[in-house]
C-alpha atoms as a PDB file:
ATOM      1  CA  GLN A   1      83.314  -1.274  73.463  1.00  0.00           C
ATOM      2  CA  LYS A   2      80.650  -1.329  70.687  1.00  0.00           C
ATOM      3  CA  PRO A   3      77.550   0.748  71.145  1.00  0.00           C
ATOM      4  CA  GLU A   4      74.278  -1.040  71.589  1.00  0.00           C
ATOM      5  CA  PRO A   5      72.215  -1.429  68.399  1.00  0.00           C
ATOM      6  CA  GLU A   6      69.287   0.415  69.812  1.00  0.00           C
ATOM      7  CA  ALA A   7      71.524   3.280  70.740  1.00  0.00           C
ATOM      8  CA  VAL A   8      73.004   3.384  67.276  1.00  0.00           C
ATOM      9  CA  ALA A   9      69.556   3.479  65.766  1.00  0.00           C
ATOM     10  CA  GLU A  10      68.609   6.324  67.976  1.00  0.00           C
ATOM     11  CA  ALA A  11      71.801   8.212  67.162  1.00  0.00           C
ATOM     12  CA  GLN A  12      71.168   8.044  63.406  1.00  0.00           C
ATOM     13  CA  PRO A  13      68.943  10.773  62.097  1.00  0.00           C
ATOM     14  CA  ASP A  14      65.726   9.782  60.296  1.00  0.00           C
ATOM     15  CA  ALA A  15      66.248   9.404  56.546  1.00  0.00           C
ATOM     16  CA  PRO A  16      64.288  11.980  54.616  1.00  0.00           C
ATOM     17  CA  VAL A  17      61.204  10.516  52.968  1.00  0.00           C
ATOM     18  CA  ALA A  18      61.529  10.943  49.220  1.00  0.00           C
ATOM     19  CA  ALA A  19      58.476  12.378  47.472  1.00  0.00           C
ATOM     20  CA  ALA A  20      56.652   9.917  45.245  1.00  0.00           C
ATOM     21  CA  PRO A  21      57.349  10.497  41.578  1.00  0.00           C
ATOM     22  CA  GLN A  22      54.413  12.170  39.855  1.00  0.00           C
ATOM     23  CA  GLN A  23      54.696  10.031  36.723  1.00  0.00           C
ATOM     24  CA  ALA A  24      55.979   6.536  36.368  1.00  0.00           C
ATOM     25  CA  ARG A  25      58.744   6.347  33.814  1.00  0.00           C
ATOM     26  CA  LEU A  26      58.500   3.569  31.243  1.00  0.00           C
ATOM     27  CA  PRO A  27      61.519   1.332  31.051  1.00  0.00           C
ATOM     28  CA  VAL A  28      63.603   1.938  27.983  1.00  0.00           C
ATOM     29  CA  ALA A  29      63.404  -1.050  25.667  1.00  0.00           C
ATOM     30  CA  LYS A  30      66.635  -2.541  24.518  1.00  0.00           C
ATOM     31  CA  PRO A  31      67.425  -2.808  20.764  1.00  0.00           C
ATOM     32  CA  ALA A  32      67.168  -6.590  20.874  1.00  0.00           C
ATOM     33  CA  GLU A  33      63.728  -6.415  22.425  1.00  0.00           C
ATOM     34  CA  LEU A  34      62.607  -3.887  19.783  1.00  0.00           C
ATOM     35  CA  ALA A  35      63.720  -6.171  16.961  1.00  0.00           C
ATOM     36  CA  ALA A  36      61.864  -9.135  18.433  1.00  0.00           C
ATOM     37  CA  ALA A  37      58.711  -7.078  18.829  1.00  0.00           C
ATOM     38  CA  ALA A  38      58.936  -5.885  15.209  1.00  0.00           C
ATOM     39  CA  ARG A  39      59.276  -9.425  13.950  1.00  0.00           C
ATOM     40  CA  ALA A  40      56.287 -10.516  16.026  1.00  0.00           C
ATOM     41  CA  SER A  41      54.109  -7.663  14.772  1.00  0.00           C
ATOM     42  CA  SER A  42      55.042  -8.256  11.137  1.00  0.00           C
ATOM     43  CA  ALA A  43      54.243 -11.952  11.268  1.00  0.00           C
ATOM     44  CA  PRO A  44      50.670 -12.529  10.057  1.00  0.00           C
ATOM     45  CA  GLU A  45      48.359 -13.830  12.686  1.00  0.00           C
ATOM     46  CA  PRO A  46      46.681 -17.118  11.801  1.00  0.00           C
ATOM     47  CA  LEU A  47      43.158 -16.387  10.663  1.00  0.00           C
ATOM     48  CA  ALA A  48      40.349 -18.409  12.100  1.00  0.00           C
ATOM     49  CA  ALA A  49      38.485 -20.351   9.477  1.00  0.00           C
ATOM     50  CA  ALA A  50      35.521 -18.193   8.608  1.00  0.00           C
ATOM     51  CA  PRO A  51      32.233 -20.064   8.352  1.00  0.00           C
ATOM     52  CA  LYS A  52      31.100 -20.547   4.802  1.00  0.00           C
ATOM     53  CA  PRO A  53      28.271 -18.198   4.074  1.00  0.00           C
ATOM     54  CA  GLN A  54      25.079 -20.056   3.296  1.00  0.00           C
ATOM     55  CA  ALA A  55      23.671 -19.098  -0.011  1.00  0.00           C
ATOM     56  CA  GLU A  56      20.414 -17.354   0.653  1.00  0.00           C
ATOM     57  CA  LYS A  57      17.674 -17.974  -1.842  1.00  0.00           C
ATOM     58  CA  PRO A  58      16.672 -14.685  -3.361  1.00  0.00           C
ATOM     59  CA  GLU A  59      13.098 -13.897  -2.588  1.00  0.00           C
ATOM     60  CA  LYS A  60      10.958 -13.797  -5.650  1.00  0.00           C
ATOM     61  CA  PRO A  61       9.444 -10.382  -6.095  1.00  0.00           C
ATOM     62  CA  ARG A  62       5.762 -10.563  -5.536  1.00  0.00           C
ATOM     63  CA  PRO A  63       3.812  -9.415  -8.524  1.00  0.00           C
ATOM     64  CA  VAL A  64       1.961  -6.234  -7.858  1.00  0.00           C
ATOM     65  CA  GLU A  65      -1.702  -6.888  -8.347  1.00  0.00           C
ATOM     66  CA  GLN A  66      -3.215  -4.201 -10.424  1.00  0.00           C
ATOM     67  CA  ALA A  67      -6.912  -3.871 -10.822  1.00  0.00           C
ATOM     68  CA  ALA A  68      -7.861  -4.316 -14.431  1.00  0.00           C
ATOM     69  CA  PRO A  69      -9.456  -1.209 -15.800  1.00  0.00           C
ATOM     70  CA  GLN A  70     -13.150  -1.742 -15.923  1.00  0.00           C
ATOM     71  CA  GLU A  71     -14.707  -0.826 -19.168  1.00  0.00           C
ATOM     72  CA  PRO A  72     -18.071   0.823 -18.935  1.00  0.00           C
ATOM     73  CA  ALA A  73     -20.675  -1.824 -19.475  1.00  0.00           C
ATOM     74  CA  GLU A  74     -22.969  -1.247 -22.355  1.00  0.00           C
ATOM     75  CA  PRO A  75     -26.565  -1.047 -21.259  1.00  0.00           C
ATOM     76  CA  LYS A  76     -28.357  -4.204 -22.243  1.00  0.00           C
ATOM     77  CA  PRO A  77     -32.108  -4.448 -22.506  1.00  0.00           C
ATOM     78  CA  ALA A  78     -33.554  -6.383 -19.641  1.00  0.00           C
ATOM     79  CA  GLY A  79     -34.983  -9.724 -20.607  1.00  0.00           C
ATOM     80  CA  PRO A  80     -36.339 -12.858 -19.013  1.00  0.00           C
ATOM     81  CA  ALA A  81     -33.783 -15.243 -17.604  1.00  0.00           C
ATOM     82  CA  PRO A  82     -32.597 -17.675 -20.285  1.00  0.00           C
ATOM     83  CA  GLY A  83     -34.194 -21.076 -20.013  1.00  0.00           C
ATOM     84  CA  SER A  84     -37.096 -19.803 -17.940  1.00  0.00           C
ATOM     85  CA  THR A  85     -40.334 -21.710 -18.278  1.00  0.00           C
ATOM     86  CA  SER A  86     -43.597 -19.834 -18.406  1.00  0.00           C
ATOM     87  CA  GLN A  87     -46.312 -21.051 -16.033  1.00  0.00           C
ATOM     88  CA  PHE A  88     -48.889 -18.789 -17.638  1.00  0.00           C
ATOM     89  CA  ALA A  89     -50.571 -21.393 -19.849  1.00  0.00           C
ATOM     90  CA  ALA A  90     -50.950 -23.843 -16.949  1.00  0.00           C
ATOM     91  CA  THR A  91     -51.932 -21.364 -14.208  1.00  0.00           C
ATOM     92  CA  ILE A  92     -54.239 -18.810 -15.833  1.00  0.00           C
ATOM     93  CA  THR A  93     -57.798 -19.820 -16.665  1.00  0.00           C
ATOM     94  CA  ARG A  94     -59.099 -19.961 -20.220  1.00  0.00           C
ATOM     95  CA  GLY A  95     -61.280 -16.911 -19.718  1.00  0.00           C
ATOM     96  CA  GLU A  96     -58.358 -14.858 -18.377  1.00  0.00           C
ATOM     97  CA  LYS A  97     -56.184 -15.948 -21.304  1.00  0.00           C
ATOM     98  CA  ASP A  98     -58.880 -15.087 -23.845  1.00  0.00           C
ATOM     99  CA  ALA A  99     -59.298 -11.617 -22.361  1.00  0.00           C
ATOM    100  CA  LEU A 100     -55.567 -10.962 -22.592  1.00  0.00           C
ATOM    101  CA  ARG A 101     -55.379 -12.419 -26.116  1.00  0.00           C
ATOM    102  CA  LEU A 102     -58.049 -10.015 -27.359  1.00  0.00           C
ATOM    103  CA  GLY A 103     -56.387  -7.133 -25.548  1.00  0.00           C
ATOM    104  CA  ILE A 104     -53.067  -7.786 -27.340  1.00  0.00           C
ATOM    105  CA  LYS A 105     -54.667  -8.588 -30.716  1.00  0.00           C
ATOM    106  CA  GLN A 106     -56.243  -5.166 -31.070  1.00  0.00           C
ATOM    107  CA  PHE A 107     -52.711  -3.722 -31.314  1.00  0.00           C
ATOM    108  CA  PHE A 108     -51.290  -6.443 -33.560  1.00  0.00           C
ATOM    109  CA  VAL A 109     -50.678  -5.301 -37.143  1.00  0.00           C
ATOM    110  CA  TYR A 110     -48.669  -7.564 -39.479  1.00  0.00           C
ATOM    111  CA  ASN A 111     -48.129  -6.479 -43.068  1.00  0.00           C
ATOM    112  CA  GLY A 112     -45.631  -9.148 -44.140  1.00  0.00           C
ATOM    113  CA  ASN A 113     -45.865 -12.315 -46.196  1.00  0.00           C
ATOM    114  CA  ARG A 114     -48.749 -14.567 -45.128  1.00  0.00           C
ATOM    115  CA  ALA A 115     -48.169 -17.346 -47.673  1.00  0.00           C
ATOM    116  CA  ASP A 116     -46.247 -19.647 -45.279  1.00  0.00           C
ATOM    117  CA  ARG A 117     -48.661 -21.120 -42.740  1.00  0.00           C
ATOM    118  CA  SER A 118     -45.732 -22.351 -40.586  1.00  0.00           C
ATOM    119  CA  LEU A 119     -44.496 -18.822 -39.964  1.00  0.00           C
ATOM    120  CA  GLN A 120     -44.537 -17.967 -36.253  1.00  0.00           C
ATOM    121  CA  VAL A 121     -42.482 -16.277 -33.536  1.00  0.00           C
ATOM    122  CA  THR A 122     -42.558 -16.669 -29.757  1.00  0.00           C
ATOM    123  CA  ILE A 123     -41.844 -13.595 -27.638  1.00  0.00           C
ATOM    124  CA  ALA A 124     -41.218 -13.502 -23.874  1.00  0.00           C
ATOM    125  CA  VAL A 125     -42.207 -10.681 -21.530  1.00  0.00           C
ATOM    126  CA  GLU A 126     -41.606 -10.475 -17.792  1.00  0.00           C
ATOM    127  CA  LEU A 127     -44.141  -8.536 -15.707  1.00  0.00           C
ATOM    128  CA  GLY A 128     -43.788  -7.010 -12.289  1.00  0.00           C
ATOM    129  CA  PRO A 129     -46.521  -7.177  -9.627  1.00  0.00           C
ATOM    130  CA  ASP A 130     -47.922  -3.901 -10.991  1.00  0.00           C
ATOM    131  CA  ALA A 131     -48.427  -5.593 -14.410  1.00  0.00           C
ATOM    132  CA  ARG A 132     -45.728  -3.443 -16.019  1.00  0.00           C
ATOM    133  CA  ILE A 133     -43.109  -5.004 -18.308  1.00  0.00           C
ATOM    134  CA  VAL A 134     -39.811  -5.352 -16.440  1.00  0.00           C
ATOM    135  CA  GLY A 135     -38.082  -7.694 -18.906  1.00  0.00           C
ATOM    136  CA  GLY A 136     -38.302  -8.002 -22.680  1.00  0.00           C
ATOM    137  CA  PRO A 137     -40.017  -8.228 -25.053  1.00  0.00           C
ATOM    138  CA  GLU A 138     -37.418 -10.796 -26.130  1.00  0.00           C
ATOM    139  CA  LEU A 139     -37.533 -13.073 -29.161  1.00  0.00           C
ATOM    140  CA  LEU A 140     -37.323 -16.693 -28.049  1.00  0.00           C
ATOM    141  CA  ARG A 141     -38.061 -18.653 -31.213  1.00  0.00           C
ATOM    142  CA  ALA A 142     -38.825 -17.993 -34.872  1.00  0.00           C
ATOM    143  CA  SER A 143     -39.720 -20.531 -37.545  1.00  0.00           C
ATOM    144  CA  GLY A 144     -41.133 -20.750 -41.071  1.00  0.00           C
ATOM    145  CA  GLY A 145     -41.056 -18.130 -43.798  1.00  0.00           C
ATOM    146  CA  ASP A 146     -37.956 -16.295 -44.876  1.00  0.00           C
ATOM    147  CA  GLU A 147     -35.780 -14.047 -42.754  1.00  0.00           C
ATOM    148  CA  GLY A 148     -37.647 -10.916 -43.795  1.00  0.00           C
ATOM    149  CA  ALA A 149     -41.034 -12.398 -42.867  1.00  0.00           C
ATOM    150  CA  ARG A 150     -39.777 -13.595 -39.467  1.00  0.00           C
ATOM    151  CA  GLU A 151     -38.304 -10.184 -38.714  1.00  0.00           C
ATOM    152  CA  ALA A 152     -41.533  -8.415 -39.701  1.00  0.00           C
ATOM    153  CA  LEU A 153     -43.628 -10.754 -37.532  1.00  0.00           C
ATOM    154  CA  TRP A 154     -41.305 -10.325 -34.551  1.00  0.00           C
ATOM    155  CA  GLN A 155     -41.451  -6.539 -34.779  1.00  0.00           C
ATOM    156  CA  ALA A 156     -45.266  -6.592 -35.132  1.00  0.00           C
ATOM    157  CA  GLY A 157     -45.585  -8.798 -32.036  1.00  0.00           C
ATOM    158  CA  ARG A 158     -43.167  -6.661 -30.013  1.00  0.00           C
ATOM    159  CA  ARG A 159     -45.101  -3.475 -30.840  1.00  0.00           C
ATOM    160  CA  ALA A 160     -48.412  -5.143 -29.918  1.00  0.00           C
ATOM    161  CA  LEU A 161     -47.088  -6.181 -26.491  1.00  0.00           C
ATOM    162  CA  MET A 162     -45.682  -2.726 -25.719  1.00  0.00           C
ATOM    163  CA  LYS A 163     -48.915  -1.025 -26.721  1.00  0.00           C
ATOM    164  CA  ALA A 164     -50.975  -3.519 -24.708  1.00  0.00           C
ATOM    165  CA  GLU A 165     -48.909  -2.728 -21.622  1.00  0.00           C
ATOM    166  CA  SER A 166     -49.382   1.021 -22.151  1.00  0.00           C
ATOM    167  CA  ALA A 167     -53.133   0.478 -22.463  1.00  0.00           C
ATOM    168  CA  GLY A 168     -53.221  -1.458 -19.176  1.00  0.00           C
ATOM    169  CA  GLU A 169     -54.238  -4.779 -20.736  1.00  0.00           C
ATOM    170  CA  PHE A 170     -51.987  -6.763 -18.377  1.00  0.00           C
ATOM    171  CA  THR A 171     -53.696  -5.227 -15.341  1.00  0.00           C
ATOM    172  CA  ARG A 172     -56.673  -7.448 -16.158  1.00  0.00           C
ATOM    173  CA  LEU A 173     -54.690 -10.428 -14.855  1.00  0.00           C
ATOM    174  CA  PRO A 174     -55.558 -11.508 -11.271  1.00  0.00           C
ATOM    175  CA  PRO A 175     -53.046  -9.981  -8.816  1.00  0.00           C
ATOM    176  CA  ASP A 176     -53.085 -13.079  -6.584  1.00  0.00           C
ATOM    177  CA  LYS A 177     -51.728 -15.176  -9.472  1.00  0.00           C
ATOM    178  CA  HIS A 178     -48.671 -13.031 -10.202  1.00  0.00           C
ATOM    179  CA  ALA A 179     -46.390 -16.061  -9.837  1.00  0.00           C
ATOM    180  CA  GLY A 180     -48.279 -17.594 -12.774  1.00  0.00           C
ATOM    181  CA  TRP A 181     -48.259 -14.578 -15.094  1.00  0.00           C
ATOM    182  CA  ARG A 182     -44.894 -13.086 -14.109  1.00  0.00           C
ATOM    183  CA  LEU A 183     -43.386 -14.613 -17.261  1.00  0.00           C
ATOM    184  CA  ILE A 184     -45.516 -14.927 -20.404  1.00  0.00           C
ATOM    185  CA  HIS A 185     -44.524 -16.544 -23.703  1.00  0.00           C
ATOM    186  CA  VAL A 186     -46.710 -15.152 -26.468  1.00  0.00           C
ATOM    187  CA  THR A 187     -46.764 -16.911 -29.862  1.00  0.00           C
ATOM    188  CA  PHE A 188     -47.679 -14.874 -32.928  1.00  0.00           C
ATOM    189  CA  THR A 189     -48.632 -16.142 -36.365  1.00  0.00           C
ATOM    190  CA  PRO A 190     -49.796 -13.842 -39.163  1.00  0.00           C
ATOM    191  CA  GLU A 191     -53.396 -14.574 -38.096  1.00  0.00           C
ATOM    192  CA  GLU A 192     -53.468 -15.688 -34.471  1.00  0.00           C
ATOM    193  CA  ILE A 193     -52.051 -15.066 -31.002  1.00  0.00           C
ATOM    194  CA  GLY A 194     -51.533 -17.825 -28.446  1.00  0.00           C
ATOM    195  CA  PHE A 195     -49.581 -18.659 -25.276  1.00  0.00           C
ATOM    196  CA  SER A 196     -46.974 -21.369 -24.727  1.00  0.00           C
ATOM    197  CA  SER A 197     -44.741 -22.640 -21.947  1.00  0.00           C
END
């Protein structure tokens, strides 16, 4: 008579539980597998088509702006603005002009050639509100005579105007008409002094 299965199971002692291995052992590769792996690793992998690099335009170097060395400006004598028109002859009364003419004439000394009656120079002076010269004297025009005579007449007229200013002759002009006598064109001949526009 065969024993019952349950009884057999109870009769058998429990199988000892094996301790879990501390490290898992790698399976040993077979020579055939090693050869196949070597062939696979030696075969070049297909390269993906690299995108064509776009040619970048080189940036043009920006020119470095350098400040030009400034040369020291030579001092220039102040003078009336070119092309200015004198309002003196039209604004100032005849009596005021005569007084100024006599005031300048007392300082006018010309020792050059007087033979040419067409010899004359016109000189411009600019006056501030205090009747002091702030521009000029400046030679505007010269005609007649030779170069030496014109130069002598111009220098005589310039000296007369500077001396007249120092003597306060321009302060005789009416202060309320400064716009009219701010710029004066004085014409000199060897004999006379006049005013022009």
